[in-house]
Amino acid sequence: MPTCRLPTLAGVSIRATGRSRVSSDRRGTVVSYTGHLIINGRQVLSPEQIRAEWTTRGAAAMHEADRTEHSDPYGHAWAKGVAGAYSTAVALLNAWCTELGAVGLPLTDVVAGIKVTRAAMLEQTPTDTGEANRLSLSAAASMLLHLADDLAVTASYTWEGAS
């Protein structure tokens, strides 16, 4: 059950789906839930929920890449780039969930790591890359930026028991 700690409830609207428990102490408000957490009208996923969602979406992108391999070379290249972005982001988030978070690495560092990976990928792309490969890299770069932005929302909250 994901558990999110909010330092204050002043001006904050919280809704949780599934089973939920809300409690308060000196350090703020703790929300534990089984479904989804909605804060100020925006769904906020826990790090584990994001990891599961990204894994599923990455597998779907890989399936699409396999499906289009012989029939649509540009669709294949795009899907391959998207799948690669998910795979990269999941690997970084998995390291945080299984080891790095437990030793105190902030989740915001994973966001930064995704952005650095994107920048390095773009910077190191050879100039003589073919059109399909450029499309694949463009898809990966775009998706990595999107994933970093999504994870930044999660990283702006404190997650208890997330490690």
C-alpha atoms as a PDB file:
ATOM      1  CA  MET A   1       0.000   0.000   0.000  1.00  0.00           C
ATOM      2  CA  PRO A   2       1.718   3.241  -1.092  1.00  0.00           C
ATOM      3  CA  THR A   3       2.090   5.851   1.630  1.00  0.00           C
ATOM      4  CA  CYS A   4       2.582   9.542   0.875  1.00  0.00           C
ATOM      5  CA  ARG A   5       3.478  12.171   3.483  1.00  0.00           C
ATOM      6  CA  LEU A   6       2.325  15.751   2.951  1.00  0.00           C
ATOM      7  CA  PRO A   7       3.870  18.436   5.168  1.00  0.00           C
ATOM      8  CA  THR A   8       0.602  20.379   5.368  1.00  0.00           C
ATOM      9  CA  LEU A   9      -2.996  20.173   4.269  1.00  0.00           C
ATOM     10  CA  ALA A  10      -3.480  23.914   3.970  1.00  0.00           C
ATOM     11  CA  GLY A  11      -5.066  24.463   0.565  1.00  0.00           C
ATOM     12  CA  VAL A  12      -4.576  20.812  -0.450  1.00  0.00           C
ATOM     13  CA  SER A  13      -7.370  18.627  -1.757  1.00  0.00           C
ATOM     14  CA  ILE A  14      -6.724  14.890  -1.283  1.00  0.00           C
ATOM     15  CA  ARG A  15      -8.731  11.985  -2.629  1.00  0.00           C
ATOM     16  CA  ALA A  16      -7.678   8.355  -2.585  1.00  0.00           C
ATOM     17  CA  THR A  17      -9.374   5.466  -4.357  1.00  0.00           C
ATOM     18  CA  GLY A  18      -9.573   1.942  -3.044  1.00  0.00           C
ATOM     19  CA  ARG A  19      -8.975   1.470   0.640  1.00  0.00           C
ATOM     20  CA  SER A  20      -7.337   4.488   2.218  1.00  0.00           C
ATOM     21  CA  ARG A  21      -6.215   5.756   5.581  1.00  0.00           C
ATOM     22  CA  VAL A  22      -5.406   9.365   6.445  1.00  0.00           C
ATOM     23  CA  SER A  23      -3.638  10.306   9.653  1.00  0.00           C
ATOM     24  CA  SER A  24      -1.813  13.344  10.954  1.00  0.00           C
ATOM     25  CA  ASP A  25       1.104  13.899  13.272  1.00  0.00           C
ATOM     26  CA  ARG A  26       3.625  16.665  14.010  1.00  0.00           C
ATOM     27  CA  ARG A  27       5.332  16.162  10.649  1.00  0.00           C
ATOM     28  CA  GLY A  28       2.213  16.411   8.504  1.00  0.00           C
ATOM     29  CA  THR A  29      -0.446  14.211   6.992  1.00  0.00           C
ATOM     30  CA  VAL A  30       0.067  10.606   5.915  1.00  0.00           C
ATOM     31  CA  VAL A  31      -2.131   9.055   3.244  1.00  0.00           C
ATOM     32  CA  SER A  32      -2.006   5.300   2.635  1.00  0.00           C
ATOM     33  CA  TYR A  33      -4.094   3.892  -0.181  1.00  0.00           C
ATOM     34  CA  THR A  34      -4.619   0.848  -2.381  1.00  0.00           C
ATOM     35  CA  GLY A  35      -5.860   2.511  -5.568  1.00  0.00           C
ATOM     36  CA  HIS A  36      -4.895   5.954  -6.792  1.00  0.00           C
ATOM     37  CA  LEU A  37      -4.001   9.174  -5.027  1.00  0.00           C
ATOM     38  CA  ILE A  38      -5.362  12.455  -6.353  1.00  0.00           C
ATOM     39  CA  ILE A  39      -3.841  15.637  -4.952  1.00  0.00           C
ATOM     40  CA  ASN A  40      -5.344  18.957  -6.038  1.00  0.00           C
ATOM     41  CA  GLY A  41      -7.115  17.218  -8.912  1.00  0.00           C
ATOM     42  CA  ARG A  42      -3.992  15.531 -10.332  1.00  0.00           C
ATOM     43  CA  GLN A  43      -3.292  11.830 -10.051  1.00  0.00           C
ATOM     44  CA  VAL A  44      -0.011  11.162  -8.284  1.00  0.00           C
ATOM     45  CA  LEU A  45       1.582   7.744  -8.655  1.00  0.00           C
ATOM     46  CA  SER A  46       3.969   6.244  -6.121  1.00  0.00           C
ATOM     47  CA  PRO A  47       7.430   5.250  -7.346  1.00  0.00           C
ATOM     48  CA  GLU A  48       6.354   1.587  -7.402  1.00  0.00           C
ATOM     49  CA  GLN A  49       3.184   2.417  -9.346  1.00  0.00           C
ATOM     50  CA  ILE A  50       5.213   4.364 -11.903  1.00  0.00           C
ATOM     51  CA  ARG A  51       7.710   1.518 -12.230  1.00  0.00           C
ATOM     52  CA  ALA A  52       4.876  -0.966 -12.886  1.00  0.00           C
ATOM     53  CA  GLU A  53       3.180   1.375 -15.374  1.00  0.00           C
ATOM     54  CA  TRP A  54       6.413   2.080 -17.242  1.00  0.00           C
ATOM     55  CA  THR A  55       7.244  -1.614 -17.406  1.00  0.00           C
ATOM     56  CA  THR A  56       3.827  -2.346 -18.923  1.00  0.00           C
ATOM     57  CA  ARG A  57       4.033   0.534 -21.396  1.00  0.00           C
ATOM     58  CA  GLY A  58       7.589  -0.411 -22.386  1.00  0.00           C
ATOM     59  CA  ALA A  59       6.472  -3.976 -23.091  1.00  0.00           C
ATOM     60  CA  ALA A  60       3.597  -2.636 -25.221  1.00  0.00           C
ATOM     61  CA  ALA A  61       6.015  -0.423 -27.178  1.00  0.00           C
ATOM     62  CA  MET A  62       8.314  -3.397 -27.720  1.00  0.00           C
ATOM     63  CA  HIS A  63       5.361  -5.447 -28.941  1.00  0.00           C
ATOM     64  CA  GLU A  64       4.504  -2.640 -31.364  1.00  0.00           C
ATOM     65  CA  ALA A  65       8.113  -2.542 -32.563  1.00  0.00           C
ATOM     66  CA  ASP A  66       8.031  -6.298 -33.188  1.00  0.00           C
ATOM     67  CA  ARG A  67       4.659  -6.049 -34.928  1.00  0.00           C
ATOM     68  CA  THR A  68       5.803  -3.329 -37.332  1.00  0.00           C
ATOM     69  CA  GLU A  69       9.325  -4.597 -37.981  1.00  0.00           C
ATOM     70  CA  HIS A  70       8.653  -5.760 -41.547  1.00  0.00           C
ATOM     71  CA  SER A  71       5.568  -3.740 -42.458  1.00  0.00           C
ATOM     72  CA  ASP A  72       6.389  -0.200 -41.307  1.00  0.00           C
ATOM     73  CA  PRO A  73      10.095   0.629 -40.916  1.00  0.00           C
ATOM     74  CA  TYR A  74       9.449   4.124 -39.534  1.00  0.00           C
ATOM     75  CA  GLY A  75       6.745   2.950 -37.137  1.00  0.00           C
ATOM     76  CA  HIS A  76       9.170   0.226 -36.066  1.00  0.00           C
ATOM     77  CA  ALA A  77      11.954   2.772 -35.504  1.00  0.00           C
ATOM     78  CA  TRP A  78       9.661   5.033 -33.476  1.00  0.00           C
ATOM     79  CA  ALA A  79       8.335   2.175 -31.317  1.00  0.00           C
ATOM     80  CA  LYS A  80      11.885   0.893 -30.794  1.00  0.00           C
ATOM     81  CA  GLY A  81      12.943   4.329 -29.533  1.00  0.00           C
ATOM     82  CA  VAL A  82       9.968   4.562 -27.183  1.00  0.00           C
ATOM     83  CA  ALA A  83      10.620   1.034 -25.864  1.00  0.00           C
ATOM     84  CA  GLY A  84      14.273   1.911 -25.313  1.00  0.00           C
ATOM     85  CA  ALA A  85      13.321   5.028 -23.362  1.00  0.00           C
ATOM     86  CA  TYR A  86      11.000   3.062 -21.106  1.00  0.00           C
ATOM     87  CA  SER A  87      13.641   0.373 -20.599  1.00  0.00           C
ATOM     88  CA  THR A  88      16.250   2.972 -19.625  1.00  0.00           C
ATOM     89  CA  ALA A  89      13.930   4.835 -17.262  1.00  0.00           C
ATOM     90  CA  VAL A  90      12.683   1.608 -15.651  1.00  0.00           C
ATOM     91  CA  ALA A  91      16.268   0.470 -15.028  1.00  0.00           C
ATOM     92  CA  LEU A  92      17.085   3.753 -13.278  1.00  0.00           C
ATOM     93  CA  LEU A  93      13.856   3.738 -11.249  1.00  0.00           C
ATOM     94  CA  ASN A  94      14.295   0.064 -10.383  1.00  0.00           C
ATOM     95  CA  ALA A  95      17.761   0.800  -8.973  1.00  0.00           C
ATOM     96  CA  TRP A  96      16.221   3.522  -6.811  1.00  0.00           C
ATOM     97  CA  CYS A  97      13.314   1.325  -5.656  1.00  0.00           C
ATOM     98  CA  THR A  98      15.510  -1.650  -4.791  1.00  0.00           C
ATOM     99  CA  GLU A  99      18.719  -0.074  -3.472  1.00  0.00           C
ATOM    100  CA  LEU A 100      19.438   3.609  -3.892  1.00  0.00           C
ATOM    101  CA  GLY A 101      16.308   4.997  -2.235  1.00  0.00           C
ATOM    102  CA  ALA A 102      17.006   2.936   0.876  1.00  0.00           C
ATOM    103  CA  VAL A 103      20.444   4.531   1.273  1.00  0.00           C
ATOM    104  CA  GLY A 104      19.051   8.046   0.941  1.00  0.00           C
ATOM    105  CA  LEU A 105      19.357   8.954  -2.741  1.00  0.00           C
ATOM    106  CA  PRO A 106      16.532  11.392  -3.460  1.00  0.00           C
ATOM    107  CA  LEU A 107      14.080  10.437  -6.171  1.00  0.00           C
ATOM    108  CA  THR A 108      14.833  13.809  -7.771  1.00  0.00           C
ATOM    109  CA  ASP A 109      18.291  12.402  -8.591  1.00  0.00           C
ATOM    110  CA  VAL A 110      16.615   9.705 -10.702  1.00  0.00           C
ATOM    111  CA  VAL A 111      14.746  12.463 -12.555  1.00  0.00           C
ATOM    112  CA  ALA A 112      18.090  14.169 -13.164  1.00  0.00           C
ATOM    113  CA  GLY A 113      19.624  10.854 -14.234  1.00  0.00           C
ATOM    114  CA  ILE A 114      16.941  10.363 -16.873  1.00  0.00           C
ATOM    115  CA  LYS A 115      17.538  13.878 -18.196  1.00  0.00           C
ATOM    116  CA  VAL A 116      21.319  13.364 -18.249  1.00  0.00           C
ATOM    117  CA  THR A 117      20.856  10.068 -20.103  1.00  0.00           C
ATOM    118  CA  ARG A 118      18.737  11.874 -22.683  1.00  0.00           C
ATOM    119  CA  ALA A 119      21.296  14.652 -23.106  1.00  0.00           C
ATOM    120  CA  ALA A 120      24.192  12.202 -23.433  1.00  0.00           C
ATOM    121  CA  MET A 121      22.292  10.160 -25.994  1.00  0.00           C
ATOM    122  CA  LEU A 122      21.617  13.235 -28.128  1.00  0.00           C
ATOM    123  CA  GLU A 123      25.144  14.587 -27.719  1.00  0.00           C
ATOM    124  CA  GLN A 124      26.788  11.316 -28.714  1.00  0.00           C
ATOM    125  CA  THR A 125      24.646  10.605 -31.775  1.00  0.00           C
ATOM    126  CA  PRO A 126      26.855  10.381 -34.876  1.00  0.00           C
ATOM    127  CA  THR A 127      26.062  12.924 -37.575  1.00  0.00           C
ATOM    128  CA  ASP A 128      25.856  10.257 -40.267  1.00  0.00           C
ATOM    129  CA  THR A 129      23.006   8.386 -38.575  1.00  0.00           C
ATOM    130  CA  GLY A 130      20.374   7.102 -40.996  1.00  0.00           C
ATOM    131  CA  GLU A 131      16.831   8.434 -41.134  1.00  0.00           C
ATOM    132  CA  ALA A 132      15.232   5.500 -39.294  1.00  0.00           C
ATOM    133  CA  ASN A 133      17.856   5.643 -36.544  1.00  0.00           C
ATOM    134  CA  ARG A 134      17.355   9.412 -36.174  1.00  0.00           C
ATOM    135  CA  LEU A 135      13.626   8.784 -35.823  1.00  0.00           C
ATOM    136  CA  SER A 136      14.267   6.146 -33.180  1.00  0.00           C
ATOM    137  CA  LEU A 137      16.595   8.488 -31.261  1.00  0.00           C
ATOM    138  CA  SER A 138      14.085  11.309 -31.546  1.00  0.00           C
ATOM    139  CA  ALA A 139      11.353   9.095 -30.116  1.00  0.00           C
ATOM    140  CA  ALA A 140      13.610   7.983 -27.270  1.00  0.00           C
ATOM    141  CA  ALA A 141      14.689  11.549 -26.475  1.00  0.00           C
ATOM    142  CA  SER A 142      11.125  12.824 -26.495  1.00  0.00           C
ATOM    143  CA  MET A 143       9.882   9.964 -24.327  1.00  0.00           C
ATOM    144  CA  LEU A 144      12.749  10.290 -21.829  1.00  0.00           C
ATOM    145  CA  LEU A 145      11.891  13.947 -21.320  1.00  0.00           C
ATOM    146  CA  HIS A 146       8.213  13.054 -20.836  1.00  0.00           C
ATOM    147  CA  LEU A 147       9.070  10.296 -18.349  1.00  0.00           C
ATOM    148  CA  ALA A 148      11.379  12.608 -16.386  1.00  0.00           C
ATOM    149  CA  ASP A 149       8.572  15.158 -16.135  1.00  0.00           C
ATOM    150  CA  ASP A 150       6.116  12.505 -14.922  1.00  0.00           C
ATOM    151  CA  LEU A 151       8.568  11.232 -12.319  1.00  0.00           C
ATOM    152  CA  ALA A 152       9.267  14.796 -11.149  1.00  0.00           C
ATOM    153  CA  VAL A 153       5.641  15.031  -9.955  1.00  0.00           C
ATOM    154  CA  THR A 154       6.087  11.881  -7.871  1.00  0.00           C
ATOM    155  CA  ALA A 155       9.485  13.084  -6.617  1.00  0.00           C
ATOM    156  CA  SER A 156       7.913  16.282  -5.297  1.00  0.00           C
ATOM    157  CA  TYR A 157       6.247  14.234  -2.534  1.00  0.00           C
ATOM    158  CA  THR A 158       7.670  12.157   0.302  1.00  0.00           C
ATOM    159  CA  TRP A 159       6.991   8.429   0.023  1.00  0.00           C
ATOM    160  CA  GLU A 160       7.199   6.374   3.179  1.00  0.00           C
ATOM    161  CA  GLY A 161       8.207   2.766   2.939  1.00  0.00           C
ATOM    162  CA  ALA A 162       9.415   3.403  -0.628  1.00  0.00           C
ATOM    163  CA  SER A 163      12.865   2.080  -0.989  1.00  0.00           C
END
